[in-house]
Amino acid sequence: MRKIAASALLVLTLAGGSTAALADDDFPIVGTYLQNQTCKGDGSDRTDLRVKITRKAIESNMTSCAILHVKRDGKSIAAHLECKIPGGQLILGDITLTLRDDSSLDFEDQDHTSSAVLYKCAE
C-alpha cells in the first residue's frame, strides 16, 4: 500500500495549505509538467507523464490530489495532499517540491521512496 501511495503522490507532485491566500510569487509552480522527461511541445509528449498543478490540485492520468496545505521556504515548497487513487481510496501524504533555476521541480515524497524531476511545459 505504501508503494501505491508513494506512486500516487509522485505522479501528482505537490502539497498545500491555504493556497487561496498565496500570492503568485509564493506559489510559482502552477502549470503543466512532464515527469522525468523534457517537454517537446510538438504534440508528441507522452500524456501518461503529464502532471498539471493548480493552486488547489495536482492532476495526472493516474490520480487527482487536493492540495490541503502549503508551506514555502525559499525554493522549497512542502505540501500536504489528499489523493484519490484508483479504486476510490483516499490517501493523505506530504511532498516536497524544490524549484530549479530552469523552472523544473525536484519532487520527493515524505518517505523518500519516490523522487522525480518535473519539467515545465510551455503553456
N, C-alpha and C. Protein backbone atom coordinates (compact mmCIF):
# COMPACT_ATOMS: atom_id res chain seq x y z
N MET A 1 0.83 -1.19 0.00
CA MET A 1 0.00 0.00 0.00
C MET A 1 0.87 1.25 0.00
N ARG A 2 1.99 1.22 0.72
CA ARG A 2 2.87 2.37 0.77
C ARG A 2 3.41 2.71 -0.61
N LYS A 3 3.71 1.67 -1.42
CA LYS A 3 4.22 1.92 -2.76
C LYS A 3 3.17 2.59 -3.63
N ILE A 4 1.92 2.17 -3.50
CA ILE A 4 0.84 2.79 -4.26
C ILE A 4 0.70 4.24 -3.83
N ALA A 5 0.73 4.49 -2.55
CA ALA A 5 0.59 5.86 -2.04
C ALA A 5 1.75 6.73 -2.53
N ALA A 6 2.96 6.21 -2.46
CA ALA A 6 4.12 6.97 -2.90
C ALA A 6 4.03 7.24 -4.40
N SER A 7 3.62 6.25 -5.17
CA SER A 7 3.48 6.44 -6.61
C SER A 7 2.41 7.47 -6.92
N ALA A 8 1.31 7.41 -6.21
CA ALA A 8 0.24 8.39 -6.43
C ALA A 8 0.74 9.79 -6.12
N LEU A 9 1.47 9.93 -5.04
CA LEU A 9 1.99 11.25 -4.69
C LEU A 9 3.04 11.71 -5.68
N LEU A 10 3.86 10.80 -6.17
CA LEU A 10 4.88 11.15 -7.14
C LEU A 10 4.23 11.66 -8.40
N VAL A 11 3.25 10.94 -8.88
CA VAL A 11 2.60 11.33 -10.12
C VAL A 11 1.91 12.67 -9.96
N LEU A 12 1.41 12.95 -8.80
CA LEU A 12 0.67 14.19 -8.58
C LEU A 12 1.56 15.34 -8.19
N THR A 13 2.54 15.08 -7.41
CA THR A 13 3.54 16.06 -7.06
C THR A 13 3.07 17.35 -6.45
N LEU A 14 2.87 17.51 -5.25
CA LEU A 14 2.65 18.82 -4.68
C LEU A 14 2.08 18.72 -3.30
N ALA A 15 1.90 19.87 -2.63
CA ALA A 15 1.29 19.81 -1.33
C ALA A 15 0.79 21.16 -0.97
N GLY A 16 0.01 21.23 0.07
CA GLY A 16 -0.60 22.50 0.24
C GLY A 16 -0.93 22.96 1.61
N GLY A 17 -1.60 23.95 1.74
CA GLY A 17 -2.08 24.61 2.91
C GLY A 17 -3.03 25.60 2.34
N SER A 18 -3.32 26.60 2.95
CA SER A 18 -4.32 27.56 2.49
C SER A 18 -3.84 28.22 1.20
N THR A 19 -3.99 27.54 0.09
CA THR A 19 -3.43 28.00 -1.17
C THR A 19 -4.12 29.23 -1.72
N ALA A 20 -5.37 29.47 -1.40
CA ALA A 20 -6.08 30.61 -1.95
C ALA A 20 -5.45 31.93 -1.52
N ALA A 21 -4.79 31.97 -0.39
CA ALA A 21 -4.22 33.20 0.12
C ALA A 21 -2.81 33.47 -0.39
N LEU A 22 -2.24 32.55 -1.14
CA LEU A 22 -0.87 32.71 -1.60
C LEU A 22 -0.79 33.65 -2.80
N ALA A 23 0.20 34.51 -2.81
CA ALA A 23 0.47 35.36 -3.96
C ALA A 23 1.17 34.54 -5.02
N ASP A 24 1.19 35.03 -6.27
CA ASP A 24 1.84 34.31 -7.35
C ASP A 24 3.29 34.00 -7.04
N ASP A 25 3.99 34.94 -6.41
CA ASP A 25 5.39 34.72 -6.07
C ASP A 25 5.56 33.62 -5.02
N ASP A 26 4.53 33.39 -4.21
CA ASP A 26 4.59 32.36 -3.18
C ASP A 26 4.21 30.98 -3.70
N PHE A 27 3.61 30.93 -4.88
CA PHE A 27 3.19 29.64 -5.46
C PHE A 27 3.49 29.64 -6.96
N PRO A 28 4.78 29.68 -7.30
CA PRO A 28 5.19 29.85 -8.70
C PRO A 28 5.21 28.55 -9.50
N ILE A 29 4.59 27.51 -9.01
CA ILE A 29 4.69 26.21 -9.68
C ILE A 29 3.45 25.83 -10.47
N VAL A 30 2.48 26.73 -10.57
CA VAL A 30 1.28 26.44 -11.36
C VAL A 30 1.70 26.21 -12.80
N GLY A 31 1.19 25.13 -13.39
CA GLY A 31 1.50 24.84 -14.79
C GLY A 31 1.38 23.38 -15.12
N THR A 32 1.81 23.04 -16.32
CA THR A 32 1.81 21.66 -16.81
C THR A 32 3.25 21.19 -16.90
N TYR A 33 3.48 19.96 -16.45
CA TYR A 33 4.82 19.39 -16.39
C TYR A 33 4.82 17.98 -16.97
N LEU A 34 6.01 17.51 -17.34
CA LEU A 34 6.22 16.10 -17.67
C LEU A 34 7.16 15.51 -16.64
N GLN A 35 6.86 14.29 -16.23
CA GLN A 35 7.67 13.60 -15.21
C GLN A 35 8.89 12.96 -15.86
N ASN A 36 10.08 13.37 -15.41
CA ASN A 36 11.37 12.81 -15.82
C ASN A 36 11.63 12.88 -17.32
N GLN A 37 11.00 13.84 -18.00
CA GLN A 37 11.20 14.00 -19.44
C GLN A 37 10.91 15.45 -19.81
N THR A 38 11.77 16.05 -20.61
CA THR A 38 11.51 17.43 -21.02
C THR A 38 10.37 17.47 -22.03
N CYS A 39 9.66 18.57 -22.02
CA CYS A 39 8.53 18.76 -22.93
C CYS A 39 9.05 19.14 -24.32
N LYS A 40 8.49 18.49 -25.34
CA LYS A 40 8.85 18.81 -26.72
C LYS A 40 7.94 19.90 -27.26
N GLY A 41 6.65 19.86 -26.85
CA GLY A 41 5.71 20.87 -27.28
C GLY A 41 5.23 20.73 -28.70
N ASP A 42 5.52 19.60 -29.34
CA ASP A 42 5.11 19.40 -30.73
C ASP A 42 3.96 18.40 -30.86
N GLY A 43 3.31 18.09 -29.72
CA GLY A 43 2.20 17.14 -29.74
C GLY A 43 2.62 15.70 -29.50
N SER A 44 3.91 15.45 -29.39
CA SER A 44 4.39 14.08 -29.20
C SER A 44 4.70 13.74 -27.74
N ASP A 45 4.50 14.70 -26.83
CA ASP A 45 4.77 14.43 -25.42
C ASP A 45 3.83 13.34 -24.89
N ARG A 46 4.37 12.46 -24.09
CA ARG A 46 3.58 11.35 -23.54
C ARG A 46 2.57 11.86 -22.52
N THR A 47 1.30 11.60 -22.77
CA THR A 47 0.24 12.07 -21.88
C THR A 47 0.26 11.36 -20.54
N ASP A 48 0.80 10.13 -20.49
CA ASP A 48 0.85 9.40 -19.23
C ASP A 48 1.89 9.99 -18.26
N LEU A 49 2.74 10.88 -18.74
CA LEU A 49 3.73 11.52 -17.89
C LEU A 49 3.33 12.95 -17.51
N ARG A 50 2.19 13.40 -18.00
CA ARG A 50 1.76 14.77 -17.78
C ARG A 50 1.22 14.95 -16.37
N VAL A 51 1.63 16.05 -15.75
CA VAL A 51 1.18 16.44 -14.41
C VAL A 51 0.76 17.90 -14.48
N LYS A 52 -0.47 18.18 -14.06
CA LYS A 52 -0.96 19.56 -14.06
C LYS A 52 -1.11 20.02 -12.61
N ILE A 53 -0.49 21.17 -12.32
CA ILE A 53 -0.53 21.73 -10.97
C ILE A 53 -1.29 23.05 -11.01
N THR A 54 -2.30 23.16 -10.16
CA THR A 54 -3.01 24.42 -9.95
C THR A 54 -2.83 24.81 -8.49
N ARG A 55 -3.41 25.92 -8.09
CA ARG A 55 -3.32 26.33 -6.68
C ARG A 55 -4.06 25.37 -5.76
N LYS A 56 -5.03 24.62 -6.29
CA LYS A 56 -5.87 23.77 -5.45
C LYS A 56 -5.67 22.28 -5.66
N ALA A 57 -5.01 21.88 -6.75
CA ALA A 57 -4.94 20.44 -7.05
C ALA A 57 -3.73 20.11 -7.90
N ILE A 58 -3.42 18.82 -7.90
CA ILE A 58 -2.41 18.24 -8.79
C ILE A 58 -3.10 17.07 -9.48
N GLU A 59 -3.04 17.06 -10.81
CA GLU A 59 -3.74 16.02 -11.56
C GLU A 59 -2.81 15.32 -12.53
N SER A 60 -3.06 14.02 -12.68
CA SER A 60 -2.33 13.23 -13.65
C SER A 60 -3.28 12.17 -14.20
N ASN A 61 -2.78 11.32 -15.08
CA ASN A 61 -3.64 10.27 -15.62
C ASN A 61 -3.95 9.18 -14.59
N MET A 62 -3.17 9.10 -13.51
CA MET A 62 -3.37 8.06 -12.50
C MET A 62 -4.24 8.49 -11.33
N THR A 63 -4.19 9.77 -10.99
CA THR A 63 -4.88 10.22 -9.79
C THR A 63 -5.09 11.72 -9.77
N SER A 64 -5.86 12.15 -8.81
CA SER A 64 -6.11 13.56 -8.59
C SER A 64 -5.90 13.84 -7.10
N CYS A 65 -5.15 14.88 -6.81
CA CYS A 65 -4.86 15.23 -5.42
C CYS A 65 -5.32 16.64 -5.12
N ALA A 66 -5.98 16.79 -4.00
CA ALA A 66 -6.33 18.12 -3.50
C ALA A 66 -5.18 18.61 -2.63
N ILE A 67 -4.82 19.86 -2.81
CA ILE A 67 -3.77 20.48 -2.01
C ILE A 67 -4.43 21.03 -0.75
N LEU A 68 -4.06 20.45 0.38
CA LEU A 68 -4.67 20.85 1.65
C LEU A 68 -3.90 21.94 2.37
N HIS A 69 -2.59 21.94 2.23
CA HIS A 69 -1.75 22.91 2.94
C HIS A 69 -0.43 23.06 2.20
N VAL A 70 0.09 24.28 2.16
CA VAL A 70 1.37 24.56 1.51
C VAL A 70 2.21 25.44 2.43
N LYS A 71 3.50 25.12 2.48
CA LYS A 71 4.44 25.96 3.23
C LYS A 71 5.67 26.15 2.35
N ARG A 72 6.04 27.40 2.13
CA ARG A 72 7.19 27.69 1.29
C ARG A 72 8.35 28.19 2.13
N ASP A 73 9.55 27.68 1.81
CA ASP A 73 10.78 28.11 2.45
C ASP A 73 11.83 28.28 1.36
N GLY A 74 11.98 29.50 0.86
CA GLY A 74 12.91 29.75 -0.24
C GLY A 74 12.44 29.05 -1.50
N LYS A 75 13.29 28.19 -2.06
CA LYS A 75 12.94 27.46 -3.28
C LYS A 75 12.21 26.15 -3.00
N SER A 76 11.98 25.85 -1.74
CA SER A 76 11.34 24.60 -1.34
C SER A 76 9.87 24.83 -0.97
N ILE A 77 9.00 23.98 -1.51
CA ILE A 77 7.57 24.04 -1.21
C ILE A 77 7.15 22.70 -0.64
N ALA A 78 6.71 22.71 0.61
CA ALA A 78 6.21 21.49 1.26
C ALA A 78 4.69 21.52 1.14
N ALA A 79 4.11 20.38 0.82
CA ALA A 79 2.66 20.34 0.64
C ALA A 79 2.07 19.10 1.30
N HIS A 80 0.85 19.26 1.78
CA HIS A 80 0.08 18.16 2.35
C HIS A 80 -1.08 17.92 1.39
N LEU A 81 -1.21 16.67 0.92
CA LEU A 81 -2.18 16.32 -0.12
C LEU A 81 -3.17 15.27 0.33
N GLU A 82 -4.34 15.30 -0.30
CA GLU A 82 -5.32 14.22 -0.19
C GLU A 82 -5.53 13.74 -1.61
N CYS A 83 -5.16 12.47 -1.85
CA CYS A 83 -5.20 11.93 -3.21
C CYS A 83 -6.21 10.79 -3.31
N LYS A 84 -6.92 10.80 -4.42
CA LYS A 84 -7.85 9.72 -4.72
C LYS A 84 -7.16 8.81 -5.73
N ILE A 85 -6.91 7.57 -5.32
CA ILE A 85 -6.21 6.63 -6.18
C ILE A 85 -7.23 5.68 -6.82
N PRO A 86 -6.80 4.95 -7.85
CA PRO A 86 -7.73 4.01 -8.49
C PRO A 86 -8.40 3.11 -7.45
N GLY A 87 -9.70 2.90 -7.63
CA GLY A 87 -10.47 2.12 -6.68
C GLY A 87 -11.21 3.01 -5.70
N GLY A 88 -10.96 4.32 -5.78
CA GLY A 88 -11.68 5.27 -4.95
C GLY A 88 -11.10 5.51 -3.57
N GLN A 89 -10.01 4.86 -3.23
CA GLN A 89 -9.41 5.04 -1.92
C GLN A 89 -8.75 6.42 -1.81
N LEU A 90 -8.90 7.06 -0.65
CA LEU A 90 -8.25 8.33 -0.38
C LEU A 90 -7.02 8.11 0.48
N ILE A 91 -5.93 8.79 0.13
CA ILE A 91 -4.72 8.72 0.94
C ILE A 91 -4.25 10.14 1.22
N LEU A 92 -3.62 10.32 2.37
CA LEU A 92 -3.02 11.59 2.74
C LEU A 92 -1.51 11.43 2.70
N GLY A 93 -0.82 12.46 2.30
CA GLY A 93 0.63 12.39 2.27
C GLY A 93 1.25 13.76 2.12
N ASP A 94 2.55 13.79 2.34
CA ASP A 94 3.32 15.02 2.24
C ASP A 94 4.37 14.89 1.15
N ILE A 95 4.60 15.97 0.44
CA ILE A 95 5.64 16.00 -0.58
C ILE A 95 6.44 17.29 -0.42
N THR A 96 7.60 17.29 -1.03
CA THR A 96 8.41 18.50 -1.12
C THR A 96 8.79 18.70 -2.57
N LEU A 97 8.57 19.91 -3.04
CA LEU A 97 8.96 20.31 -4.39
C LEU A 97 10.00 21.40 -4.26
N THR A 98 11.10 21.25 -4.98
CA THR A 98 12.15 22.25 -4.94
C THR A 98 12.31 22.86 -6.32
N LEU A 99 12.17 24.17 -6.40
CA LEU A 99 12.29 24.88 -7.67
C LEU A 99 13.74 24.88 -8.14
N ARG A 100 13.92 24.54 -9.41
CA ARG A 100 15.23 24.63 -10.04
C ARG A 100 15.30 25.93 -10.84
N ASP A 101 16.50 26.34 -11.17
CA ASP A 101 16.68 27.58 -11.93
C ASP A 101 16.07 27.50 -13.32
N ASP A 102 15.90 26.30 -13.88
CA ASP A 102 15.35 26.14 -15.23
C ASP A 102 13.82 25.96 -15.23
N SER A 103 13.16 26.27 -14.12
CA SER A 103 11.70 26.17 -13.96
C SER A 103 11.19 24.74 -13.78
N SER A 104 12.07 23.78 -13.69
CA SER A 104 11.63 22.42 -13.38
C SER A 104 11.58 22.27 -11.86
N LEU A 105 11.03 21.14 -11.41
CA LEU A 105 10.84 20.89 -9.99
C LEU A 105 11.46 19.55 -9.60
N ASP A 106 12.16 19.52 -8.49
CA ASP A 106 12.58 18.25 -7.89
C ASP A 106 11.47 17.82 -6.96
N PHE A 107 11.03 16.58 -7.08
CA PHE A 107 9.95 16.03 -6.27
C PHE A 107 10.50 14.97 -5.32
N GLU A 108 10.03 15.01 -4.07
CA GLU A 108 10.39 13.98 -3.09
C GLU A 108 9.18 13.72 -2.21
N ASP A 109 8.85 12.44 -1.99
CA ASP A 109 7.72 12.13 -1.11
C ASP A 109 8.19 12.07 0.33
N GLN A 110 7.23 12.01 1.25
CA GLN A 110 7.53 12.08 2.68
C GLN A 110 8.42 10.96 3.18
N ASP A 111 8.36 9.79 2.55
CA ASP A 111 9.15 8.64 3.00
C ASP A 111 10.45 8.49 2.23
N HIS A 112 10.71 9.43 1.30
CA HIS A 112 11.91 9.39 0.47
C HIS A 112 12.01 8.09 -0.32
N THR A 113 10.84 7.56 -0.74
CA THR A 113 10.83 6.33 -1.54
C THR A 113 10.60 6.62 -3.02
N SER A 114 10.13 7.81 -3.31
CA SER A 114 9.89 8.20 -4.70
C SER A 114 10.43 9.60 -4.93
N SER A 115 11.11 9.75 -6.04
CA SER A 115 11.59 11.07 -6.41
C SER A 115 11.46 11.20 -7.92
N ALA A 116 11.40 12.41 -8.39
CA ALA A 116 11.28 12.66 -9.83
C ALA A 116 11.67 14.11 -10.10
N VAL A 117 11.88 14.38 -11.36
CA VAL A 117 12.04 15.75 -11.82
C VAL A 117 10.83 16.04 -12.70
N LEU A 118 10.17 17.15 -12.43
CA LEU A 118 9.03 17.59 -13.23
C LEU A 118 9.51 18.75 -14.11
N TYR A 119 9.43 18.55 -15.43
CA TYR A 119 9.89 19.56 -16.38
C TYR A 119 8.70 20.38 -16.85
N LYS A 120 8.78 21.68 -16.68
CA LYS A 120 7.68 22.58 -17.04
C LYS A 120 7.53 22.67 -18.55
N CYS A 121 6.27 22.60 -18.99
CA CYS A 121 5.95 22.70 -20.40
C CYS A 121 5.49 24.13 -20.71
N ALA A 122 5.72 24.56 -21.93
CA ALA A 122 5.23 25.87 -22.36
C ALA A 122 3.72 25.84 -22.37
N GLU A 123 3.12 26.91 -21.94
CA GLU A 123 1.65 26.97 -21.89
C GLU A 123 1.08 27.38 -23.22
